Amino acid sequence: MSPADDIKHFLVTRDMTRRKTAVVELGTDYEAAQYAYQEAEQQARGLPHLDVVLLSSDSLETIKQTHSSYFEPKSLDELLSV
């Protein structure tokens, strides 16, 4: 198994008005992930409060660390425990 086989794709949709983020894990098939992303982009067209991105990483936890602006802020206790 190559390192690329370990990469998972995540469709992340941020509703900036409601301050909510939806995440769909799409697995390791990049072409299928691209298709899902294009579909989500089309559905979000004309809705400026939605931000749709396709992110790839080894885990959702890594995504939450590297793209923290898409997720709710952590409490002070959570920040200090890192």
Protein backbone atom coordinates (compact mmCIF):
# COMPACT_ATOMS: atom_id res chain seq x y z
CA MET A 1 0.00 0.00 0.00
CA SER A 2 1.46 3.36 -0.99
CA PRO A 3 1.16 6.51 1.16
CA ALA A 4 -1.32 7.90 -1.38
CA ASP A 5 -3.63 4.98 -0.56
CA ASP A 6 -3.88 6.28 3.01
CA ILE A 7 -5.14 9.71 1.94
CA LYS A 8 -8.84 10.24 2.58
CA HIS A 9 -10.96 12.91 0.94
CA PHE A 10 -13.41 15.07 2.87
CA LEU A 11 -16.16 17.28 1.50
CA VAL A 12 -16.47 20.21 3.88
CA THR A 13 -19.36 22.65 3.68
CA ARG A 14 -19.32 25.69 5.93
CA ASP A 15 -22.53 27.65 6.45
CA MET A 16 -21.15 31.00 7.52
CA THR A 17 -24.56 32.38 8.50
CA ARG A 18 -25.40 29.54 10.88
CA ARG A 19 -21.73 28.96 11.85
CA LYS A 20 -22.11 25.23 11.14
CA THR A 21 -19.84 22.86 9.26
CA ALA A 22 -20.87 19.62 7.61
CA VAL A 23 -18.24 17.01 6.76
CA VAL A 24 -18.67 14.01 4.50
CA GLU A 25 -15.84 11.48 4.37
CA LEU A 26 -15.54 10.34 0.75
CA GLY A 27 -12.93 7.62 1.14
CA THR A 28 -9.75 7.25 -0.91
CA ASP A 29 -11.13 7.39 -4.47
CA TYR A 30 -10.00 10.78 -5.75
CA GLU A 31 -12.13 10.74 -8.90
CA ALA A 32 -15.29 9.95 -6.92
CA ALA A 33 -14.37 12.70 -4.46
CA GLN A 34 -13.93 15.19 -7.31
CA TYR A 35 -17.36 14.26 -8.67
CA ALA A 36 -19.00 14.70 -5.26
CA TYR A 37 -17.28 18.06 -4.88
CA GLN A 38 -18.52 19.27 -8.27
CA GLU A 39 -22.06 18.21 -7.37
CA ALA A 40 -21.88 20.04 -4.04
CA GLU A 41 -20.51 23.17 -5.73
CA GLN A 42 -23.42 23.15 -8.18
CA GLN A 43 -25.93 22.81 -5.33
CA ALA A 44 -24.29 25.70 -3.46
CA ARG A 45 -24.22 27.98 -6.52
CA GLY A 46 -26.04 31.21 -5.73
CA LEU A 47 -25.76 30.64 -1.98
CA PRO A 48 -22.93 32.99 -0.97
CA HIS A 49 -23.15 31.99 2.70
CA LEU A 50 -21.95 28.46 1.84
CA ASP A 51 -18.30 27.60 1.35
CA VAL A 52 -17.68 24.17 -0.17
CA VAL A 53 -14.18 22.67 -0.24
CA LEU A 54 -12.63 19.28 -0.92
CA LEU A 55 -9.80 18.54 1.47
CA SER A 56 -7.50 15.52 1.56
CA SER A 57 -5.61 14.19 4.54
CA ASP A 58 -4.81 11.11 6.59
CA SER A 59 -7.65 11.91 9.02
CA LEU A 60 -10.43 14.32 9.92
CA GLU A 61 -8.48 15.30 13.02
CA THR A 62 -5.64 16.56 10.82
CA ILE A 63 -8.14 18.53 8.72
CA LYS A 64 -9.52 20.11 11.87
CA GLN A 65 -6.02 21.19 12.86
CA THR A 66 -4.88 22.46 9.47
CA HIS A 67 -8.18 24.11 8.50
CA SER A 68 -9.49 25.15 11.91
CA SER A 69 -11.35 28.16 10.52
CA TYR A 70 -13.99 25.78 9.14
CA PHE A 71 -14.75 24.43 12.59
CA GLU A 72 -16.13 25.92 15.78
CA PRO A 73 -13.56 27.54 18.03
CA LYS A 74 -12.28 25.36 20.81
CA SER A 75 -12.75 26.17 24.43
CA LEU A 76 -9.83 27.54 26.40
CA ASP A 77 -9.44 24.18 28.17
CA GLU A 78 -9.23 22.37 24.81
CA LEU A 79 -6.64 24.82 23.52
CA LEU A 80 -4.49 24.47 26.64
CA SER A 81 -4.57 20.68 26.53
CA VAL A 82 -2.70 20.55 23.20
